[in-house]
PDB file of N, CA and C in Angstrom:
ATOM      1  N   MET A   1      11.134   6.750 -20.766  1.00  0.00           N
ATOM      2  CA  MET A   1      10.518   5.425 -20.276  1.00  0.00           C
ATOM      3  C   MET A   1       8.929   5.364 -20.376  1.00  0.00           C
ATOM      4  N   THR A   2       8.530   4.128 -20.534  1.00  0.00           N
ATOM      5  CA  THR A   2       6.828   4.241 -20.506  1.00  0.00           C
ATOM      6  C   THR A   2       6.493   3.566 -18.894  1.00  0.00           C
ATOM      7  N   LYS A   3       5.645   4.205 -18.479  1.00  0.00           N
ATOM      8  CA  LYS A   3       5.284   4.153 -17.207  1.00  0.00           C
ATOM      9  C   LYS A   3       4.290   3.138 -17.136  1.00  0.00           C
ATOM     10  N   ARG A   4       4.256   2.137 -16.362  1.00  0.00           N
ATOM     11  CA  ARG A   4       3.466   1.412 -16.116  1.00  0.00           C
ATOM     12  C   ARG A   4       2.198   1.082 -14.900  1.00  0.00           C
ATOM     13  N   ILE A   5       1.041   1.132 -15.138  1.00  0.00           N
ATOM     14  CA  ILE A   5       0.004   1.153 -14.321  1.00  0.00           C
ATOM     15  C   ILE A   5      -0.736  -0.147 -14.084  1.00  0.00           C
ATOM     16  N   LEU A   6      -0.935  -0.626 -12.826  1.00  0.00           N
ATOM     17  CA  LEU A   6      -1.678  -1.891 -12.770  1.00  0.00           C
ATOM     18  C   LEU A   6      -3.076  -1.607 -12.315  1.00  0.00           C
ATOM     19  N   LEU A   7      -3.889  -1.943 -13.095  1.00  0.00           N
ATOM     20  CA  LEU A   7      -5.415  -1.733 -13.008  1.00  0.00           C
ATOM     21  C   LEU A   7      -6.108  -3.096 -12.380  1.00  0.00           C
ATOM     22  N   ILE A   8      -6.818  -2.680 -11.048  1.00  0.00           N
ATOM     23  CA  ILE A   8      -7.254  -3.650 -10.359  1.00  0.00           C
ATOM     24  C   ILE A   8      -8.525  -3.637 -10.143  1.00  0.00           C
ATOM     25  N   GLU A   9      -9.616  -3.980 -11.044  1.00  0.00           N
ATOM     26  CA  GLU A   9     -10.999  -3.701 -11.566  1.00  0.00           C
ATOM     27  C   GLU A   9     -11.726  -5.080 -11.289  1.00  0.00           C
ATOM     28  N   ASP A  10     -12.850  -5.293 -11.145  1.00  0.00           N
ATOM     29  CA  ASP A  10     -13.472  -6.533 -11.381  1.00  0.00           C
ATOM     30  C   ASP A  10     -14.606  -6.421 -12.782  1.00  0.00           C
ATOM     31  N   GLU A  11     -14.888  -5.228 -12.982  1.00  0.00           N
ATOM     32  CA  GLU A  11     -15.844  -4.950 -14.001  1.00  0.00           C
ATOM     33  C   GLU A  11     -15.132  -5.002 -15.543  1.00  0.00           C
ATOM     34  N   LYS A  12     -15.273  -5.698 -16.298  1.00  0.00           N
ATOM     35  CA  LYS A  12     -14.634  -5.921 -17.436  1.00  0.00           C
ATOM     36  C   LYS A  12     -14.673  -4.455 -18.252  1.00  0.00           C
ATOM     37  N   ASP A  13     -15.943  -4.188 -18.589  1.00  0.00           N
ATOM     38  CA  ASP A  13     -16.147  -2.972 -19.446  1.00  0.00           C
ATOM     39  C   ASP A  13     -15.442  -1.765 -18.588  1.00  0.00           C
ATOM     40  N   MET A  14     -15.271  -1.615 -17.430  1.00  0.00           N
ATOM     41  CA  MET A  14     -14.372  -0.505 -16.866  1.00  0.00           C
ATOM     42  C   MET A  14     -13.067  -0.584 -17.008  1.00  0.00           C
ATOM     43  N   VAL A  15     -12.363  -2.089 -17.352  1.00  0.00           N
ATOM     44  CA  VAL A  15     -11.377  -2.351 -17.055  1.00  0.00           C
ATOM     45  C   VAL A  15     -10.858  -1.701 -18.731  1.00  0.00           C
ATOM     46  N   TYR A  16     -11.958  -2.430 -19.645  1.00  0.00           N
ATOM     47  CA  TYR A  16     -11.591  -1.956 -20.954  1.00  0.00           C
ATOM     48  C   TYR A  16     -11.444  -0.689 -21.428  1.00  0.00           C
ATOM     49  N   ALA A  17     -12.466   0.359 -20.612  1.00  0.00           N
ATOM     50  CA  ALA A  17     -12.645   1.777 -21.061  1.00  0.00           C
ATOM     51  C   ALA A  17     -11.212   2.511 -20.231  1.00  0.00           C
ATOM     52  N   ILE A  18     -10.935   2.075 -19.165  1.00  0.00           N
ATOM     53  CA  ILE A  18      -9.528   2.952 -18.669  1.00  0.00           C
ATOM     54  C   ILE A  18      -8.408   2.403 -19.121  1.00  0.00           C
ATOM     55  N   THR A  19      -8.057   1.207 -19.503  1.00  0.00           N
ATOM     56  CA  THR A  19      -7.175   0.455 -20.469  1.00  0.00           C
ATOM     57  C   THR A  19      -6.892   1.274 -21.675  1.00  0.00           C
ATOM     58  N   LEU A  20      -7.865   1.490 -22.351  1.00  0.00           N
ATOM     59  CA  LEU A  20      -8.115   2.252 -23.498  1.00  0.00           C
ATOM     60  C   LEU A  20      -7.493   3.612 -23.416  1.00  0.00           C
ATOM     61  N   GLU A  21      -7.915   4.340 -22.476  1.00  0.00           N
ATOM     62  CA  GLU A  21      -7.603   5.731 -22.247  1.00  0.00           C
ATOM     63  C   GLU A  21      -6.176   5.894 -21.677  1.00  0.00           C
ATOM     64  N   LEU A  22      -5.490   4.873 -20.904  1.00  0.00           N
ATOM     65  CA  LEU A  22      -4.301   5.190 -20.396  1.00  0.00           C
ATOM     66  C   LEU A  22      -3.520   4.793 -21.775  1.00  0.00           C
ATOM     67  N   GLN A  23      -3.656   3.628 -22.449  1.00  0.00           N
ATOM     68  CA  GLN A  23      -2.746   3.448 -23.446  1.00  0.00           C
ATOM     69  C   GLN A  23      -2.599   4.778 -24.402  1.00  0.00           C
ATOM     70  N   ALA A  24      -3.955   5.167 -24.573  1.00  0.00           N
ATOM     71  CA  ALA A  24      -3.720   6.482 -25.699  1.00  0.00           C
ATOM     72  C   ALA A  24      -3.263   7.681 -25.089  1.00  0.00           C
ATOM     73  N   ASN A  25      -2.712   7.461 -23.773  1.00  0.00           N
ATOM     74  CA  ASN A  25      -1.835   8.638 -23.176  1.00  0.00           C
ATOM     75  C   ASN A  25      -0.422   7.826 -22.994  1.00  0.00           C
ATOM     76  N   ASN A  26      -0.336   6.940 -23.753  1.00  0.00           N
ATOM     77  CA  ASN A  26       1.336   6.138 -23.434  1.00  0.00           C
ATOM     78  C   ASN A  26       1.601   5.413 -22.107  1.00  0.00           C
ATOM     79  N   TYR A  27       0.664   4.959 -21.351  1.00  0.00           N
ATOM     80  CA  TYR A  27       1.054   4.067 -20.494  1.00  0.00           C
ATOM     81  C   TYR A  27       0.789   2.931 -20.776  1.00  0.00           C
ATOM     82  N   GLU A  28       1.615   1.860 -20.277  1.00  0.00           N
ATOM     83  CA  GLU A  28       1.262   0.296 -20.250  1.00  0.00           C
ATOM     84  C   GLU A  28       0.705  -0.091 -19.273  1.00  0.00           C
ATOM     85  N   VAL A  29      -0.409  -0.988 -19.784  1.00  0.00           N
ATOM     86  CA  VAL A  29      -1.445  -1.190 -18.508  1.00  0.00           C
ATOM     87  C   VAL A  29      -1.444  -2.655 -18.452  1.00  0.00           C
ATOM     88  N   LEU A  30      -1.391  -3.001 -16.977  1.00  0.00           N
ATOM     89  CA  LEU A  30      -1.370  -4.270 -16.432  1.00  0.00           C
ATOM     90  C   LEU A  30      -2.672  -4.387 -15.712  1.00  0.00           C
ATOM     91  N   THR A  31      -3.621  -5.435 -15.780  1.00  0.00           N
ATOM     92  CA  THR A  31      -4.659  -5.601 -15.472  1.00  0.00           C
ATOM     93  C   THR A  31      -5.015  -7.165 -14.471  1.00  0.00           C
ATOM     94  N   ALA A  32      -5.616  -6.614 -13.260  1.00  0.00           N
ATOM     95  CA  ALA A  32      -6.160  -7.904 -12.463  1.00  0.00           C
ATOM     96  C   ALA A  32      -7.498  -7.778 -12.068  1.00  0.00           C
ATOM     97  N   TYR A  33      -8.205  -8.722 -12.424  1.00  0.00           N
ATOM     98  CA  TYR A  33      -9.933  -8.873 -11.749  1.00  0.00           C
ATOM     99  C   TYR A  33     -10.239  -9.212 -10.521  1.00  0.00           C
ATOM    100  N   ASN A  34      -8.968  -9.278  -9.708  1.00  0.00           N
ATOM    101  CA  ASN A  34      -9.546  -9.515  -8.192  1.00  0.00           C
ATOM    102  C   ASN A  34      -8.641  -9.192  -7.058  1.00  0.00           C
ATOM    103  N   GLY A  35      -8.945  -9.173  -5.963  1.00  0.00           N
ATOM    104  CA  GLY A  35      -7.816  -8.550  -4.768  1.00  0.00           C
ATOM    105  C   GLY A  35      -6.850  -9.669  -4.745  1.00  0.00           C
ATOM    106  N   MET A  36      -6.960 -10.760  -4.907  1.00  0.00           N
ATOM    107  CA  MET A  36      -5.489 -11.788  -4.612  1.00  0.00           C
ATOM    108  C   MET A  36      -4.496 -11.553  -5.665  1.00  0.00           C
ATOM    109  N   GLU A  37      -4.971 -11.336  -7.121  1.00  0.00           N
ATOM    110  CA  GLU A  37      -4.302 -11.502  -8.534  1.00  0.00           C
ATOM    111  C   GLU A  37      -3.928  -9.970  -8.333  1.00  0.00           C
ATOM    112  N   GLY A  38      -4.627  -8.926  -7.820  1.00  0.00           N
ATOM    113  CA  GLY A  38      -3.827  -7.826  -8.114  1.00  0.00           C
ATOM    114  C   GLY A  38      -2.743  -7.654  -7.161  1.00  0.00           C
ATOM    115  N   LEU A  39      -2.829  -8.225  -6.035  1.00  0.00           N
ATOM    116  CA  LEU A  39      -1.940  -8.342  -4.956  1.00  0.00           C
ATOM    117  C   LEU A  39      -0.370  -8.934  -5.363  1.00  0.00           C
ATOM    118  N   GLU A  40      -0.648 -10.071  -6.133  1.00  0.00           N
ATOM    119  CA  GLU A  40       0.279 -10.860  -6.654  1.00  0.00           C
ATOM    120  C   GLU A  40       0.946 -10.235  -7.931  1.00  0.00           C
ATOM    121  N   LYS A  41      -0.022  -9.306  -8.697  1.00  0.00           N
ATOM    122  CA  LYS A  41       0.981  -8.726  -9.845  1.00  0.00           C
ATOM    123  C   LYS A  41       1.712  -7.479  -9.568  1.00  0.00           C
ATOM    124  N   ALA A  42       1.022  -6.632  -8.157  1.00  0.00           N
ATOM    125  CA  ALA A  42       1.696  -5.631  -7.867  1.00  0.00           C
ATOM    126  C   ALA A  42       3.202  -5.733  -7.510  1.00  0.00           C
ATOM    127  N   LYS A  43       3.251  -7.003  -6.511  1.00  0.00           N
ATOM    128  CA  LYS A  43       4.526  -7.815  -5.894  1.00  0.00           C
ATOM    129  C   LYS A  43       5.410  -8.223  -6.931  1.00  0.00           C
ATOM    130  N   LYS A  44       5.084  -8.873  -8.046  1.00  0.00           N
ATOM    131  CA  LYS A  44       5.753  -9.667  -9.271  1.00  0.00           C
ATOM    132  C   LYS A  44       6.180  -8.404 -10.309  1.00  0.00           C
ATOM    133  N   GLU A  45       5.183  -7.574 -10.423  1.00  0.00           N
ATOM    134  CA  GLU A  45       5.467  -6.159 -11.772  1.00  0.00           C
ATOM    135  C   GLU A  45       6.109  -5.009 -11.148  1.00  0.00           C
ATOM    136  N   LYS A  46       5.857  -4.938  -9.973  1.00  0.00           N
ATOM    137  CA  LYS A  46       6.193  -3.612  -9.137  1.00  0.00           C
ATOM    138  C   LYS A  46       5.836  -2.513 -10.307  1.00  0.00           C
ATOM    139  N   PRO A  47       4.600  -2.302 -10.572  1.00  0.00           N
ATOM    140  CA  PRO A  47       4.097  -0.824 -11.324  1.00  0.00           C
ATOM    141  C   PRO A  47       4.780   0.369 -10.789  1.00  0.00           C
ATOM    142  N   ASP A  48       4.403   1.386 -11.858  1.00  0.00           N
ATOM    143  CA  ASP A  48       4.740   2.789 -11.271  1.00  0.00           C
ATOM    144  C   ASP A  48       3.486   3.082 -10.198  1.00  0.00           C
ATOM    145  N   LEU A  49       2.456   2.878 -10.803  1.00  0.00           N
ATOM    146  CA  LEU A  49       1.204   3.323  -9.956  1.00  0.00           C
ATOM    147  C   LEU A  49       0.253   2.202 -10.115  1.00  0.00           C
ATOM    148  N   ILE A  50      -0.585   2.015  -9.400  1.00  0.00           N
ATOM    149  CA  ILE A  50      -1.952   1.080  -8.890  1.00  0.00           C
ATOM    150  C   ILE A  50      -3.029   2.042  -8.993  1.00  0.00           C
ATOM    151  N   ILE A  51      -4.510   1.451  -9.666  1.00  0.00           N
ATOM    152  CA  ILE A  51      -5.382   2.234  -9.602  1.00  0.00           C
ATOM    153  C   ILE A  51      -6.104   0.851  -9.016  1.00  0.00           C
ATOM    154  N   LEU A  52      -6.995   1.069  -7.968  1.00  0.00           N
ATOM    155  CA  LEU A  52      -7.602   0.116  -7.137  1.00  0.00           C
ATOM    156  C   LEU A  52      -8.990   0.229  -6.612  1.00  0.00           C
ATOM    157  N   ASP A  53      -9.795  -0.574  -7.465  1.00  0.00           N
ATOM    158  CA  ASP A  53     -11.205  -0.828  -7.080  1.00  0.00           C
ATOM    159  C   ASP A  53     -11.215  -1.199  -5.606  1.00  0.00           C
ATOM    160  N   LEU A  54     -12.172  -0.850  -5.060  1.00  0.00           N
ATOM    161  CA  LEU A  54     -12.581  -1.125  -3.508  1.00  0.00           C
ATOM    162  C   LEU A  54     -13.286  -2.557  -3.556  1.00  0.00           C
ATOM    163  N   MET A  55     -14.486  -2.539  -4.204  1.00  0.00           N
ATOM    164  CA  MET A  55     -15.445  -3.559  -4.060  1.00  0.00           C
ATOM    165  C   MET A  55     -14.778  -4.804  -5.343  1.00  0.00           C
ATOM    166  N   LEU A  56     -13.930  -5.554  -4.484  1.00  0.00           N
ATOM    167  CA  LEU A  56     -13.682  -6.750  -5.233  1.00  0.00           C
ATOM    168  C   LEU A  56     -13.535  -8.397  -4.895  1.00  0.00           C
ATOM    169  N   PRO A  57     -13.901  -9.088  -5.597  1.00  0.00           N
ATOM    170  CA  PRO A  57     -13.835 -10.324  -5.461  1.00  0.00           C
ATOM    171  C   PRO A  57     -12.168 -10.988  -4.700  1.00  0.00           C
ATOM    172  N   LYS A  58     -12.354 -11.855  -4.009  1.00  0.00           N
ATOM    173  CA  LYS A  58     -11.300 -12.672  -3.205  1.00  0.00           C
ATOM    174  C   LYS A  58     -10.448 -12.096  -1.954  1.00  0.00           C
ATOM    175  N   MET A  59     -10.540 -10.404  -2.114  1.00  0.00           N
ATOM    176  CA  MET A  59      -9.713  -9.778  -1.054  1.00  0.00           C
ATOM    177  C   MET A  59     -10.191  -8.322  -1.495  1.00  0.00           C
ATOM    178  N   ASP A  60     -10.807  -7.483  -0.811  1.00  0.00           N
ATOM    179  CA  ASP A  60     -11.356  -5.615  -1.210  1.00  0.00           C
ATOM    180  C   ASP A  60     -10.125  -5.390  -1.214  1.00  0.00           C
ATOM    181  N   GLY A  61     -10.209  -4.086  -2.018  1.00  0.00           N
ATOM    182  CA  GLY A  61      -9.381  -3.145  -2.108  1.00  0.00           C
ATOM    183  C   GLY A  61      -8.487  -2.713  -0.562  1.00  0.00           C
ATOM    184  N   TYR A  62      -9.224  -2.222   0.246  1.00  0.00           N
ATOM    185  CA  TYR A  62      -8.626  -1.884   1.401  1.00  0.00           C
ATOM    186  C   TYR A  62      -7.827  -2.741   1.836  1.00  0.00           C
ATOM    187  N   LYS A  63      -7.646  -4.007   1.970  1.00  0.00           N
ATOM    188  CA  LYS A  63      -7.030  -5.001   2.286  1.00  0.00           C
ATOM    189  C   LYS A  63      -5.494  -5.039   1.381  1.00  0.00           C
ATOM    190  N   VAL A  64      -5.912  -5.134   0.132  1.00  0.00           N
ATOM    191  CA  VAL A  64      -4.946  -4.992  -0.953  1.00  0.00           C
ATOM    192  C   VAL A  64      -4.128  -3.700  -0.469  1.00  0.00           C
ATOM    193  N   CYS A  65      -4.976  -2.431  -0.358  1.00  0.00           N
ATOM    194  CA  CYS A  65      -4.149  -1.120  -0.013  1.00  0.00           C
ATOM    195  C   CYS A  65      -3.082  -1.310   0.915  1.00  0.00           C
ATOM    196  N   GLY A  66      -3.902  -1.861   2.275  1.00  0.00           N
ATOM    197  CA  GLY A  66      -3.402  -1.913   3.809  1.00  0.00           C
ATOM    198  C   GLY A  66      -2.010  -2.860   3.484  1.00  0.00           C
ATOM    199  N   LEU A  67      -1.695  -4.289   2.688  1.00  0.00           N
ATOM    200  CA  LEU A  67      -0.707  -4.974   2.660  1.00  0.00           C
ATOM    201  C   LEU A  67       0.386  -4.032   1.836  1.00  0.00           C
ATOM    202  N   LEU A  68      -0.004  -3.930   0.751  1.00  0.00           N
ATOM    203  CA  LEU A  68       1.261  -3.196  -0.088  1.00  0.00           C
ATOM    204  C   LEU A  68       1.711  -2.126   0.755  1.00  0.00           C
ATOM    205  N   LYS A  69       1.191  -1.364   1.414  1.00  0.00           N
ATOM    206  CA  LYS A  69       1.600   0.125   2.421  1.00  0.00           C
ATOM    207  C   LYS A  69       2.146  -0.146   3.397  1.00  0.00           C
ATOM    208  N   ALA A  70       1.980  -1.592   3.934  1.00  0.00           N
ATOM    209  CA  ALA A  70       2.329  -2.159   5.158  1.00  0.00           C
ATOM    210  C   ALA A  70       4.042  -2.591   4.732  1.00  0.00           C
ATOM    211  N   ASP A  71       4.431  -2.649   3.528  1.00  0.00           N
ATOM    212  CA  ASP A  71       5.411  -3.518   2.875  1.00  0.00           C
ATOM    213  C   ASP A  71       6.573  -2.710   2.445  1.00  0.00           C
ATOM    214  N   THR A  72       7.711  -2.657   3.172  1.00  0.00           N
ATOM    215  CA  THR A  72       8.274  -1.459   2.662  1.00  0.00           C
ATOM    216  C   THR A  72       9.183  -1.487   1.032  1.00  0.00           C
ATOM    217  N   ARG A  73       9.025  -2.731   0.712  1.00  0.00           N
ATOM    218  CA  ARG A  73       9.286  -2.917  -0.798  1.00  0.00           C
ATOM    219  C   ARG A  73       8.136  -2.613  -2.033  1.00  0.00           C
ATOM    220  N   TYR A  74       7.085  -2.253  -1.359  1.00  0.00           N
ATOM    221  CA  TYR A  74       6.036  -1.905  -2.171  1.00  0.00           C
ATOM    222  C   TYR A  74       5.431  -0.428  -1.601  1.00  0.00           C
ATOM    223  N   ASN A  75       5.865   0.172  -0.753  1.00  0.00           N
ATOM    224  CA  ASN A  75       5.049   1.095   0.003  1.00  0.00           C
ATOM    225  C   ASN A  75       5.106   2.503  -0.497  1.00  0.00           C
ATOM    226  N   LYS A  76       5.995   2.466  -1.622  1.00  0.00           N
ATOM    227  CA  LYS A  76       6.300   3.937  -2.751  1.00  0.00           C
ATOM    228  C   LYS A  76       5.721   3.781  -3.673  1.00  0.00           C
ATOM    229  N   ILE A  77       4.872   2.740  -4.168  1.00  0.00           N
ATOM    230  CA  ILE A  77       3.896   2.618  -5.345  1.00  0.00           C
ATOM    231  C   ILE A  77       2.536   3.729  -4.994  1.00  0.00           C
ATOM    232  N   PRO A  78       2.459   4.578  -5.811  1.00  0.00           N
ATOM    233  CA  PRO A  78       0.979   5.556  -5.315  1.00  0.00           C
ATOM    234  C   PRO A  78       0.020   4.252  -5.816  1.00  0.00           C
ATOM    235  N   ILE A  79      -1.123   4.480  -4.828  1.00  0.00           N
ATOM    236  CA  ILE A  79      -2.238   3.807  -5.060  1.00  0.00           C
ATOM    237  C   ILE A  79      -3.436   4.723  -5.248  1.00  0.00           C
ATOM    238  N   VAL A  80      -4.331   4.933  -6.207  1.00  0.00           N
ATOM    239  CA  VAL A  80      -5.438   5.558  -6.482  1.00  0.00           C
ATOM    240  C   VAL A  80      -6.290   4.714  -6.338  1.00  0.00           C
ATOM    241  N   MET A  81      -7.363   5.035  -5.117  1.00  0.00           N
ATOM    242  CA  MET A  81      -8.748   4.327  -4.623  1.00  0.00           C
ATOM    243  C   MET A  81      -9.687   4.663  -5.507  1.00  0.00           C
ATOM    244  N   PHE A  82     -10.282   3.671  -6.340  1.00  0.00           N
ATOM    245  CA  PHE A  82     -11.539   4.110  -7.208  1.00  0.00           C
ATOM    246  C   PHE A  82     -12.641   3.391  -6.916  1.00  0.00           C
ATOM    247  N   SER A  83     -13.627   3.829  -6.281  1.00  0.00           N
ATOM    248  CA  SER A  83     -14.827   3.119  -5.952  1.00  0.00           C
ATOM    249  C   SER A  83     -16.124   4.288  -6.350  1.00  0.00           C
ATOM    250  N   ALA A  84     -17.385   3.497  -6.174  1.00  0.00           N
ATOM    251  CA  ALA A  84     -18.533   4.194  -6.333  1.00  0.00           C
ATOM    252  C   ALA A  84     -19.055   4.359  -4.713  1.00  0.00           C
ATOM    253  N   LYS A  85     -17.909   4.036  -3.814  1.00  0.00           N
ATOM    254  CA  LYS A  85     -18.398   4.619  -2.580  1.00  0.00           C
ATOM    255  C   LYS A  85     -17.857   5.665  -2.226  1.00  0.00           C
ATOM    256  N   ALA A  86     -19.167   6.614  -2.228  1.00  0.00           N
ATOM    257  CA  ALA A  86     -18.203   8.010  -1.729  1.00  0.00           C
ATOM    258  C   ALA A  86     -18.592   8.452  -0.571  1.00  0.00           C
ATOM    259  N   GLN A  87     -19.087   7.838   0.319  1.00  0.00           N
ATOM    260  CA  GLN A  87     -18.885   8.364   1.978  1.00  0.00           C
ATOM    261  C   GLN A  87     -18.067   8.708   2.206  1.00  0.00           C
ATOM    262  N   GLU A  88     -18.153   9.811   2.794  1.00  0.00           N
ATOM    263  CA  GLU A  88     -16.715  10.486   3.635  1.00  0.00           C
ATOM    264  C   GLU A  88     -15.903   9.101   4.441  1.00  0.00           C
ATOM    265  N   GLU A  89     -16.714   8.299   5.045  1.00  0.00           N
ATOM    266  CA  GLU A  89     -15.930   7.265   6.032  1.00  0.00           C
ATOM    267  C   GLU A  89     -14.899   6.363   5.313  1.00  0.00           C
ATOM    268  N   ASP A  90     -15.801   6.148   3.995  1.00  0.00           N
ATOM    269  CA  ASP A  90     -14.910   5.299   3.037  1.00  0.00           C
ATOM    270  C   ASP A  90     -13.612   5.831   2.449  1.00  0.00           C
ATOM    271  N   MET A  91     -13.609   7.532   2.319  1.00  0.00           N
ATOM    272  CA  MET A  91     -12.612   8.050   1.663  1.00  0.00           C
ATOM    273  C   MET A  91     -11.365   7.897   3.034  1.00  0.00           C
ATOM    274  N   LYS A  92     -11.945   8.450   3.924  1.00  0.00           N
ATOM    275  CA  LYS A  92     -11.534   8.734   5.227  1.00  0.00           C
ATOM    276  C   LYS A  92     -10.556   7.115   5.553  1.00  0.00           C
ATOM    277  N   LEU A  93     -10.759   5.954   5.398  1.00  0.00           N
ATOM    278  CA  LEU A  93     -10.516   4.757   5.388  1.00  0.00           C
ATOM    279  C   LEU A  93      -9.296   4.351   4.591  1.00  0.00           C
ATOM    280  N   GLY A  94      -9.592   4.501   3.131  1.00  0.00           N
ATOM    281  CA  GLY A  94      -8.721   4.717   2.265  1.00  0.00           C
ATOM    282  C   GLY A  94      -7.097   5.346   2.315  1.00  0.00           C
ATOM    283  N   LYS A  95      -7.478   6.639   3.047  1.00  0.00           N
ATOM    284  CA  LYS A  95      -6.199   7.356   3.394  1.00  0.00           C
ATOM    285  C   LYS A  95      -5.562   6.956   4.044  1.00  0.00           C
ATOM    286  N   GLU A  96      -6.131   6.709   5.492  1.00  0.00           N
ATOM    287  CA  GLU A  96      -5.727   5.750   6.947  1.00  0.00           C
ATOM    288  C   GLU A  96      -4.730   4.300   6.258  1.00  0.00           C
ATOM    289  N   LEU A  97      -5.406   3.720   5.162  1.00  0.00           N
ATOM    290  CA  LEU A  97      -4.279   2.643   4.778  1.00  0.00           C
ATOM    291  C   LEU A  97      -3.815   3.016   4.053  1.00  0.00           C
ATOM    292  N   GLY A  98      -3.187   4.331   3.566  1.00  0.00           N
ATOM    293  CA  GLY A  98      -2.083   4.749   2.805  1.00  0.00           C
ATOM    294  C   GLY A  98      -2.356   5.052   1.039  1.00  0.00           C
ATOM    295  N   ALA A  99      -3.568   5.292   1.046  1.00  0.00           N
ATOM    296  CA  ALA A  99      -3.889   5.438  -0.530  1.00  0.00           C
ATOM    297  C   ALA A  99      -3.735   6.853  -0.711  1.00  0.00           C
ATOM    298  N   ASP A 100      -3.072   7.199  -1.872  1.00  0.00           N
ATOM    299  CA  ASP A 100      -2.553   8.502  -2.255  1.00  0.00           C
ATOM    300  C   ASP A 100      -3.323   9.522  -3.034  1.00  0.00           C
ATOM    301  N   ALA A 101      -4.569   8.791  -3.318  1.00  0.00           N
ATOM    302  CA  ALA A 101      -5.665   9.549  -4.164  1.00  0.00           C
ATOM    303  C   ALA A 101      -7.308   8.582  -3.903  1.00  0.00           C
ATOM    304  N   TYR A 102      -8.045   9.279  -4.154  1.00  0.00           N
ATOM    305  CA  TYR A 102      -9.568   8.718  -4.073  1.00  0.00           C
ATOM    306  C   TYR A 102     -10.271   9.192  -5.106  1.00  0.00           C
ATOM    307  N   ILE A 103     -10.566   8.367  -6.354  1.00  0.00           N
ATOM    308  CA  ILE A 103     -11.599   9.130  -7.033  1.00  0.00           C
ATOM    309  C   ILE A 103     -13.002   7.909  -6.861  1.00  0.00           C
ATOM    310  N   THR A 104     -13.936   8.701  -7.102  1.00  0.00           N
ATOM    311  CA  THR A 104     -15.292   8.138  -7.094  1.00  0.00           C
ATOM    312  C   THR A 104     -16.070   8.105  -8.510  1.00  0.00           C
ATOM    313  N   LYS A 105     -16.392   6.586  -8.204  1.00  0.00           N
ATOM    314  CA  LYS A 105     -17.202   6.320 -10.047  1.00  0.00           C
ATOM    315  C   LYS A 105     -18.742   7.047  -9.850  1.00  0.00           C
ATOM    316  N   PRO A 106     -19.291   7.380 -10.887  1.00  0.00           N
ATOM    317  CA  PRO A 106     -18.807   7.462 -12.337  1.00  0.00           C
ATOM    318  C   PRO A 106     -17.692   8.720 -12.288  1.00  0.00           C
ATOM    319  N   PHE A 107     -16.609   8.582 -12.819  1.00  0.00           N
ATOM    320  CA  PHE A 107     -15.395   9.412 -12.762  1.00  0.00           C
ATOM    321  C   PHE A 107     -15.286   9.956 -14.346  1.00  0.00           C
ATOM    322  N   GLU A 108     -14.581  11.094 -14.455  1.00  0.00           N
ATOM    323  CA  GLU A 108     -14.175  11.669 -15.483  1.00  0.00           C
ATOM    324  C   GLU A 108     -12.646  11.085 -16.050  1.00  0.00           C
ATOM    325  N   SER A 109     -12.553  11.117 -16.841  1.00  0.00           N
ATOM    326  CA  SER A 109     -10.894  10.268 -17.256  1.00  0.00           C
ATOM    327  C   SER A 109     -10.086  11.547 -17.223  1.00  0.00           C
ATOM    328  N   GLN A 110     -10.552  12.800 -17.556  1.00  0.00           N
ATOM    329  CA  GLN A 110      -9.424  13.658 -17.352  1.00  0.00           C
ATOM    330  C   GLN A 110      -9.246  13.552 -15.837  1.00  0.00           C
ATOM    331  N   VAL A 111      -9.833  13.804 -14.880  1.00  0.00           N
ATOM    332  CA  VAL A 111      -9.903  13.693 -13.636  1.00  0.00           C
ATOM    333  C   VAL A 111      -8.793  12.359 -13.139  1.00  0.00           C
ATOM    334  N   LEU A 112      -9.202  11.296 -13.556  1.00  0.00           N
ATOM    335  CA  LEU A 112      -8.175  10.496 -13.433  1.00  0.00           C
ATOM    336  C   LEU A 112      -6.712  10.372 -14.044  1.00  0.00           C
ATOM    337  N   LEU A 113      -6.560  10.913 -15.078  1.00  0.00           N
ATOM    338  CA  LEU A 113      -5.408  11.428 -15.843  1.00  0.00           C
ATOM    339  C   LEU A 113      -4.646  12.450 -15.477  1.00  0.00           C
ATOM    340  N   ARG A 114      -5.460  13.601 -14.688  1.00  0.00           N
ATOM    341  CA  ARG A 114      -4.469  14.955 -14.073  1.00  0.00           C
ATOM    342  C   ARG A 114      -3.692  14.001 -12.602  1.00  0.00           C
ATOM    343  N   LYS A 115      -4.719  13.166 -12.115  1.00  0.00           N
ATOM    344  CA  LYS A 115      -4.093  12.515 -10.572  1.00  0.00           C
ATOM    345  C   LYS A 115      -2.912  11.534 -10.943  1.00  0.00           C
ATOM    346  N   ILE A 116      -3.150  10.981 -12.080  1.00  0.00           N
ATOM    347  CA  ILE A 116      -1.801   9.732 -12.177  1.00  0.00           C
ATOM    348  C   ILE A 116      -0.798  10.743 -12.636  1.00  0.00           C
ATOM    349  N   LYS A 117      -0.705  11.643 -13.364  1.00  0.00           N
ATOM    350  CA  LYS A 117       0.200  12.789 -14.038  1.00  0.00           C
ATOM    351  C   LYS A 117       0.986  13.010 -12.464  1.00  0.00           C
ATOM    352  N   GLU A 118      -0.094  13.650 -12.017  1.00  0.00           N
ATOM    353  CA  GLU A 118       0.484  14.328 -10.542  1.00  0.00           C
ATOM    354  C   GLU A 118       1.186  13.445  -9.609  1.00  0.00           C
ATOM    355  N   LEU A 119       0.830  12.345  -9.292  1.00  0.00           N
ATOM    356  CA  LEU A 119       1.149  10.979  -8.285  1.00  0.00           C
ATOM    357  C   LEU A 119       2.552  10.619  -9.220  1.00  0.00           C
ATOM    358  N   LEU A 120       2.706  10.497 -10.636  1.00  0.00           N
ATOM    359  CA  LEU A 120       4.120   9.959 -11.053  1.00  0.00           C
ATOM    360  C   LEU A 120       4.915  11.141 -11.573  1.00  0.00           C
ATOM    361  N   GLY A 121       4.542  12.428 -10.841  1.00  0.00           N
ATOM    362  CA  GLY A 121       5.612  13.534 -11.053  1.00  0.00           C
ATOM    363  C   GLY A 121       6.057  13.992 -12.412  1.00  0.00           C
ATOM    364  N   GLU A 122       4.843  13.874 -13.364  1.00  0.00           N
ATOM    365  CA  GLU A 122       4.876  14.218 -14.724  1.00  0.00           C
ATOM    366  C   GLU A 122       4.512  15.291 -15.104  1.00  0.00           C
TER     367      GLU A 122
END
């Protein structure tokens, strides 16, 4: 069965590049361009994994992650935080909020794919 990944990212070029990469690896990709839309889609679609940018319009990635991880209906969905913010405190906060992984931009697609496969138990 095809795994579904929700990509919450506001940079269109990044969304396009990651979507192509994921589809080439047989994942179904759902997209959201701001935190509110991402949260709604996560709840409605219940994806197998979420790739979540931190710097988002309407609601930042920390808030989205915290709300999903605090809800027993969604807290089992692995979340990969994805950000240009590479400071130790950013990563620490992401982990505290329940993020399952933290990947900094710019990133290598192989690193992202390996982490996705690991979190999905593939």
